Amino acid sequence: MTNSNERLNRIEQIQESNARAIAALTQITVANSKAIAANSKAIATNLETIAANSEAIANLTENINNLTQDVSRTLARSAILGDIILDMQHNRQREETSREAIMQKLDQILEKLDEQ
């Protein structure tokens, strides 16, 4: 009988040990479930942030493209205006040269008239 009692005691010890292990595993499982839930919320928040950032990046890209087009148009207009200004300067110089030549011829004509 002693052997039977020892076996029963040993079985009871194993059952108690298993119960403690199951309780500990249950606590760990609950803690892990809470951590998973928290991580899921964090992931959802991060996904929302990523979506918002993606939209902001798309808007920024559009703004940069618009700015690039504006700068290109401005540079093109500036180049055209620069060419116009150069043409006007050349025309002014030709007019001054022509005016000076006309004035010299006029002076010559007036001198000849004064001589007569």
N, C-alpha and C. Protein backbone atom coordinates (compact mmCIF):
# COMPACT_ATOMS: atom_id res chain seq x y z
N MET A 1 0.77 -1.18 0.00
CA MET A 1 0.00 0.00 0.00
C MET A 1 0.83 1.27 0.00
N THR A 2 1.94 1.15 0.54
CA THR A 2 2.82 2.30 0.59
C THR A 2 3.17 2.76 -0.81
N ASN A 3 3.38 1.78 -1.65
CA ASN A 3 3.69 2.11 -3.03
C ASN A 3 2.52 2.84 -3.69
N SER A 4 1.31 2.41 -3.41
CA SER A 4 0.11 3.04 -3.97
C SER A 4 -0.02 4.46 -3.46
N ASN A 5 0.21 4.65 -2.17
CA ASN A 5 0.12 6.00 -1.60
C ASN A 5 1.20 6.92 -2.19
N GLU A 6 2.37 6.37 -2.36
CA GLU A 6 3.45 7.17 -2.94
C GLU A 6 3.12 7.56 -4.38
N ARG A 7 2.54 6.62 -5.10
CA ARG A 7 2.16 6.90 -6.48
C ARG A 7 1.06 7.95 -6.53
N LEU A 8 0.09 7.83 -5.67
CA LEU A 8 -1.00 8.81 -5.63
C LEU A 8 -0.45 10.20 -5.26
N ASN A 9 0.45 10.24 -4.27
CA ASN A 9 1.07 11.51 -3.89
C ASN A 9 1.85 12.10 -5.05
N ARG A 10 2.56 11.25 -5.75
CA ARG A 10 3.36 11.72 -6.89
C ARG A 10 2.45 12.23 -7.99
N ILE A 11 1.35 11.54 -8.25
CA ILE A 11 0.38 11.97 -9.27
C ILE A 11 -0.22 13.31 -8.87
N GLU A 12 -0.56 13.46 -7.60
CA GLU A 12 -1.12 14.73 -7.11
C GLU A 12 -0.11 15.85 -7.25
N GLN A 13 1.15 15.58 -6.98
CA GLN A 13 2.20 16.59 -7.14
C GLN A 13 2.33 17.01 -8.61
N ILE A 14 2.29 16.01 -9.48
CA ILE A 14 2.38 16.30 -10.91
C ILE A 14 1.18 17.13 -11.36
N GLN A 15 -0.03 16.76 -10.86
CA GLN A 15 -1.23 17.50 -11.22
C GLN A 15 -1.14 18.94 -10.73
N GLU A 16 -0.67 19.14 -9.50
CA GLU A 16 -0.51 20.50 -8.95
C GLU A 16 0.52 21.28 -9.76
N SER A 17 1.62 20.61 -10.11
CA SER A 17 2.65 21.25 -10.91
C SER A 17 2.10 21.63 -12.28
N ASN A 18 1.34 20.71 -12.87
CA ASN A 18 0.71 21.00 -14.17
C ASN A 18 -0.29 22.13 -14.06
N ALA A 19 -1.05 22.17 -13.01
CA ALA A 19 -2.03 23.25 -12.81
C ALA A 19 -1.33 24.59 -12.70
N ARG A 20 -0.21 24.62 -11.93
CA ARG A 20 0.56 25.87 -11.81
C ARG A 20 1.13 26.28 -13.17
N ALA A 21 1.62 25.30 -13.93
CA ALA A 21 2.18 25.58 -15.25
C ALA A 21 1.10 26.11 -16.19
N ILE A 22 -0.08 25.49 -16.15
CA ILE A 22 -1.20 25.94 -16.99
C ILE A 22 -1.61 27.35 -16.60
N ALA A 23 -1.67 27.64 -15.30
CA ALA A 23 -2.02 28.99 -14.84
C ALA A 23 -0.99 30.00 -15.33
N ALA A 24 0.28 29.64 -15.22
CA ALA A 24 1.34 30.54 -15.68
C ALA A 24 1.24 30.76 -17.19
N LEU A 25 1.01 29.68 -17.94
CA LEU A 25 0.88 29.80 -19.39
C LEU A 25 -0.35 30.62 -19.77
N THR A 26 -1.42 30.47 -18.99
CA THR A 26 -2.63 31.26 -19.24
C THR A 26 -2.33 32.74 -19.05
N GLN A 27 -1.61 33.09 -17.98
CA GLN A 27 -1.25 34.49 -17.74
C GLN A 27 -0.37 35.02 -18.88
N ILE A 28 0.57 34.18 -19.31
CA ILE A 28 1.45 34.59 -20.42
C ILE A 28 0.64 34.79 -21.69
N THR A 29 -0.31 33.88 -21.94
CA THR A 29 -1.16 33.98 -23.13
C THR A 29 -2.00 35.25 -23.09
N VAL A 30 -2.56 35.56 -21.92
CA VAL A 30 -3.36 36.79 -21.76
C VAL A 30 -2.48 38.01 -22.01
N ALA A 31 -1.28 38.01 -21.41
CA ALA A 31 -0.36 39.14 -21.61
C ALA A 31 0.02 39.27 -23.08
N ASN A 32 0.29 38.13 -23.73
CA ASN A 32 0.63 38.17 -25.16
C ASN A 32 -0.53 38.67 -26.00
N SER A 33 -1.75 38.26 -25.65
CA SER A 33 -2.93 38.71 -26.37
C SER A 33 -3.09 40.23 -26.25
N LYS A 34 -2.85 40.75 -25.03
CA LYS A 34 -2.93 42.20 -24.82
C LYS A 34 -1.85 42.91 -25.62
N ALA A 35 -0.65 42.34 -25.64
CA ALA A 35 0.44 42.94 -26.40
C ALA A 35 0.14 42.92 -27.89
N ILE A 36 -0.45 41.82 -28.37
CA ILE A 36 -0.81 41.72 -29.78
C ILE A 36 -1.87 42.77 -30.12
N ALA A 37 -2.84 42.94 -29.23
CA ALA A 37 -3.89 43.95 -29.45
C ALA A 37 -3.28 45.35 -29.51
N ALA A 38 -2.38 45.64 -28.57
CA ALA A 38 -1.71 46.95 -28.56
C ALA A 38 -0.89 47.14 -29.84
N ASN A 39 -0.18 46.09 -30.24
CA ASN A 39 0.62 46.19 -31.46
C ASN A 39 -0.27 46.37 -32.68
N SER A 40 -1.43 45.72 -32.69
CA SER A 40 -2.36 45.87 -33.80
C SER A 40 -2.84 47.32 -33.90
N LYS A 41 -3.15 47.92 -32.74
CA LYS A 41 -3.57 49.32 -32.73
C LYS A 41 -2.43 50.21 -33.22
N ALA A 42 -1.21 49.92 -32.78
CA ALA A 42 -0.05 50.71 -33.22
C ALA A 42 0.15 50.58 -34.72
N ILE A 43 -0.03 49.37 -35.22
CA ILE A 43 0.12 49.13 -36.67
C ILE A 43 -0.95 49.91 -37.43
N ALA A 44 -2.18 49.88 -36.92
CA ALA A 44 -3.27 50.62 -37.58
C ALA A 44 -2.96 52.12 -37.59
N THR A 45 -2.46 52.63 -36.48
CA THR A 45 -2.08 54.05 -36.40
C THR A 45 -0.96 54.35 -37.38
N ASN A 46 0.02 53.46 -37.44
CA ASN A 46 1.14 53.66 -38.37
C ASN A 46 0.66 53.64 -39.81
N LEU A 47 -0.28 52.75 -40.12
CA LEU A 47 -0.82 52.69 -41.48
C LEU A 47 -1.57 53.97 -41.83
N GLU A 48 -2.31 54.51 -40.86
CA GLU A 48 -3.01 55.78 -41.09
C GLU A 48 -1.99 56.90 -41.32
N THR A 49 -0.92 56.89 -40.53
CA THR A 49 0.13 57.90 -40.69
C THR A 49 0.79 57.76 -42.05
N ILE A 50 1.05 56.54 -42.46
CA ILE A 50 1.67 56.29 -43.77
C ILE A 50 0.75 56.80 -44.88
N ALA A 51 -0.55 56.53 -44.75
CA ALA A 51 -1.52 56.99 -45.75
C ALA A 51 -1.53 58.52 -45.81
N ALA A 52 -1.53 59.16 -44.65
CA ALA A 52 -1.52 60.63 -44.61
C ALA A 52 -0.23 61.16 -45.21
N ASN A 53 0.90 60.53 -44.88
CA ASN A 53 2.18 60.96 -45.43
C ASN A 53 2.23 60.75 -46.94
N SER A 54 1.65 59.66 -47.40
CA SER A 54 1.62 59.40 -48.85
C SER A 54 0.82 60.49 -49.56
N GLU A 55 -0.29 60.87 -48.96
CA GLU A 55 -1.10 61.94 -49.55
C GLU A 55 -0.33 63.26 -49.53
N ALA A 56 0.34 63.53 -48.42
CA ALA A 56 1.14 64.77 -48.33
C ALA A 56 2.27 64.76 -49.36
N ILE A 57 2.89 63.61 -49.55
CA ILE A 57 3.96 63.50 -50.54
C ILE A 57 3.40 63.72 -51.95
N ALA A 58 2.22 63.16 -52.21
CA ALA A 58 1.60 63.35 -53.53
C ALA A 58 1.31 64.84 -53.75
N ASN A 59 0.79 65.52 -52.73
CA ASN A 59 0.51 66.96 -52.85
C ASN A 59 1.80 67.73 -53.05
N LEU A 60 2.82 67.37 -52.30
CA LEU A 60 4.12 68.05 -52.43
C LEU A 60 4.70 67.84 -53.82
N THR A 61 4.58 66.62 -54.32
CA THR A 61 5.07 66.32 -55.67
C THR A 61 4.34 67.16 -56.71
N GLU A 62 3.03 67.27 -56.55
CA GLU A 62 2.25 68.09 -57.48
C GLU A 62 2.68 69.55 -57.39
N ASN A 63 2.88 70.04 -56.16
CA ASN A 63 3.33 71.43 -55.98
C ASN A 63 4.70 71.66 -56.61
N ILE A 64 5.60 70.69 -56.44
CA ILE A 64 6.94 70.82 -57.02
C ILE A 64 6.84 70.81 -58.55
N ASN A 65 6.00 69.94 -59.09
CA ASN A 65 5.82 69.92 -60.55
C ASN A 65 5.27 71.25 -61.05
N ASN A 66 4.29 71.80 -60.34
CA ASN A 66 3.74 73.11 -60.72
C ASN A 66 4.80 74.19 -60.63
N LEU A 67 5.58 74.15 -59.55
CA LEU A 67 6.65 75.15 -59.39
C LEU A 67 7.68 75.02 -60.51
N THR A 68 8.02 73.79 -60.85
CA THR A 68 8.99 73.56 -61.93
C THR A 68 8.46 74.12 -63.25
N GLN A 69 7.17 73.90 -63.51
CA GLN A 69 6.57 74.45 -64.74
C GLN A 69 6.59 75.97 -64.71
N ASP A 70 6.25 76.55 -63.55
CA ASP A 70 6.27 78.01 -63.42
C ASP A 70 7.67 78.56 -63.64
N VAL A 71 8.66 77.91 -63.05
CA VAL A 71 10.04 78.36 -63.22
C VAL A 71 10.46 78.24 -64.68
N SER A 72 10.09 77.15 -65.32
CA SER A 72 10.43 76.96 -66.74
C SER A 72 9.80 78.06 -67.60
N ARG A 73 8.52 78.36 -67.34
CA ARG A 73 7.86 79.43 -68.10
C ARG A 73 8.53 80.77 -67.83
N THR A 74 8.87 81.02 -66.56
CA THR A 74 9.50 82.29 -66.20
C THR A 74 10.86 82.42 -66.87
N LEU A 75 11.64 81.35 -66.87
CA LEU A 75 12.95 81.39 -67.52
C LEU A 75 12.82 81.59 -69.02
N ALA A 76 11.83 80.94 -69.62
CA ALA A 76 11.60 81.12 -71.06
C ALA A 76 11.22 82.56 -71.37
N ARG A 77 10.32 83.12 -70.57
CA ARG A 77 9.91 84.51 -70.77
C ARG A 77 11.09 85.45 -70.54
N SER A 78 11.90 85.15 -69.55
CA SER A 78 13.06 85.98 -69.26
C SER A 78 14.02 85.96 -70.44
N ALA A 79 14.22 84.78 -71.02
CA ALA A 79 15.11 84.68 -72.19
C ALA A 79 14.55 85.48 -73.35
N ILE A 80 13.24 85.40 -73.57
CA ILE A 80 12.61 86.16 -74.66
C ILE A 80 12.77 87.66 -74.40
N LEU A 81 12.49 88.09 -73.17
CA LEU A 81 12.63 89.51 -72.84
C LEU A 81 14.08 89.97 -72.99
N GLY A 82 15.02 89.09 -72.61
CA GLY A 82 16.43 89.43 -72.78
C GLY A 82 16.77 89.63 -74.24
N ASP A 83 16.25 88.75 -75.11
CA ASP A 83 16.47 88.91 -76.55
C ASP A 83 15.85 90.20 -77.07
N ILE A 84 14.66 90.52 -76.59
CA ILE A 84 13.99 91.76 -77.02
C ILE A 84 14.81 92.97 -76.59
N ILE A 85 15.30 92.95 -75.36
CA ILE A 85 16.11 94.08 -74.87
C ILE A 85 17.38 94.23 -75.70
N LEU A 86 18.04 93.11 -76.01
CA LEU A 86 19.24 93.18 -76.85
C LEU A 86 18.92 93.75 -78.22
N ASP A 87 17.80 93.29 -78.82
CA ASP A 87 17.39 93.83 -80.11
C ASP A 87 17.13 95.33 -80.03
N MET A 88 16.47 95.75 -78.96
CA MET A 88 16.17 97.18 -78.78
C MET A 88 17.46 97.97 -78.63
N GLN A 89 18.43 97.42 -77.90
CA GLN A 89 19.70 98.12 -77.73
C GLN A 89 20.42 98.25 -79.07
N HIS A 90 20.41 97.15 -79.85
CA HIS A 90 21.05 97.20 -81.17
C HIS A 90 20.33 98.20 -82.08
N ASN A 91 19.00 98.20 -82.04
CA ASN A 91 18.23 99.15 -82.85
C ASN A 91 18.54 100.58 -82.44
N ARG A 92 18.67 100.81 -81.14
CA ARG A 92 18.97 102.16 -80.64
C ARG A 92 20.36 102.60 -81.11
N GLN A 93 21.30 101.68 -81.04
CA GLN A 93 22.65 102.01 -81.50
C GLN A 93 22.65 102.32 -83.00
N ARG A 94 21.91 101.52 -83.78
CA ARG A 94 21.83 101.78 -85.23
C ARG A 94 21.16 103.12 -85.50
N GLU A 95 20.09 103.41 -84.71
CA GLU A 95 19.41 104.69 -84.88
C GLU A 95 20.34 105.85 -84.55
N GLU A 96 21.12 105.70 -83.46
CA GLU A 96 22.05 106.76 -83.09
C GLU A 96 23.12 106.95 -84.16
N THR A 97 23.62 105.83 -84.67
CA THR A 97 24.63 105.90 -85.73
C THR A 97 24.02 106.54 -86.97
N SER A 98 22.81 106.13 -87.31
CA SER A 98 22.13 106.70 -88.47
C SER A 98 21.84 108.18 -88.26
N ARG A 99 21.40 108.55 -87.05
CA ARG A 99 21.12 109.95 -86.72
C ARG A 99 22.39 110.79 -86.84
N GLU A 100 23.50 110.25 -86.33
CA GLU A 100 24.77 110.97 -86.42
C GLU A 100 25.18 111.17 -87.88
N ALA A 101 24.99 110.12 -88.68
CA ALA A 101 25.33 110.24 -90.10
C ALA A 101 24.44 111.27 -90.78
N ILE A 102 23.16 111.26 -90.45
CA ILE A 102 22.23 112.24 -91.02
C ILE A 102 22.63 113.65 -90.59
N MET A 103 22.98 113.81 -89.33
CA MET A 103 23.37 115.13 -88.81
C MET A 103 24.64 115.62 -89.52
N GLN A 104 25.59 114.70 -89.76
CA GLN A 104 26.82 115.09 -90.46
C GLN A 104 26.50 115.53 -91.88
N LYS A 105 25.63 114.77 -92.57
CA LYS A 105 25.26 115.13 -93.93
C LYS A 105 24.51 116.45 -93.93
N LEU A 106 23.66 116.65 -92.95
CA LEU A 106 22.91 117.90 -92.85
C LEU A 106 23.87 119.06 -92.62
N ASP A 107 24.85 118.84 -91.73
CA ASP A 107 25.86 119.89 -91.50
C ASP A 107 26.64 120.20 -92.78
N GLN A 108 26.98 119.15 -93.52
CA GLN A 108 27.70 119.35 -94.77
C GLN A 108 26.85 120.14 -95.76
N ILE A 109 25.57 119.79 -95.84
CA ILE A 109 24.66 120.48 -96.76
C ILE A 109 24.52 121.93 -96.34
N LEU A 110 24.40 122.17 -95.03
CA LEU A 110 24.25 123.54 -94.55
C LEU A 110 25.51 124.34 -94.81
N GLU A 111 26.67 123.73 -94.67
CA GLU A 111 27.94 124.42 -94.96
C GLU A 111 28.02 124.80 -96.41
N LYS A 112 27.60 123.88 -97.29
CA LYS A 112 27.62 124.15 -98.72
C LYS A 112 26.65 125.28 -99.06
N LEU A 113 25.49 125.26 -98.40
CA LEU A 113 24.53 126.32 -98.65
C LEU A 113 25.06 127.65 -98.15
N ASP A 114 25.76 127.63 -97.04
CA ASP A 114 26.32 128.87 -96.50
C ASP A 114 27.42 129.39 -97.43
N GLU A 115 28.12 128.52 -98.10
CA GLU A 115 29.19 128.92 -99.00
C GLU A 115 28.64 129.55 -100.24
N GLN A 116 27.50 129.21 -100.64
CA GLN A 116 26.94 129.72 -101.89
C GLN A 116 26.34 131.04 -101.67
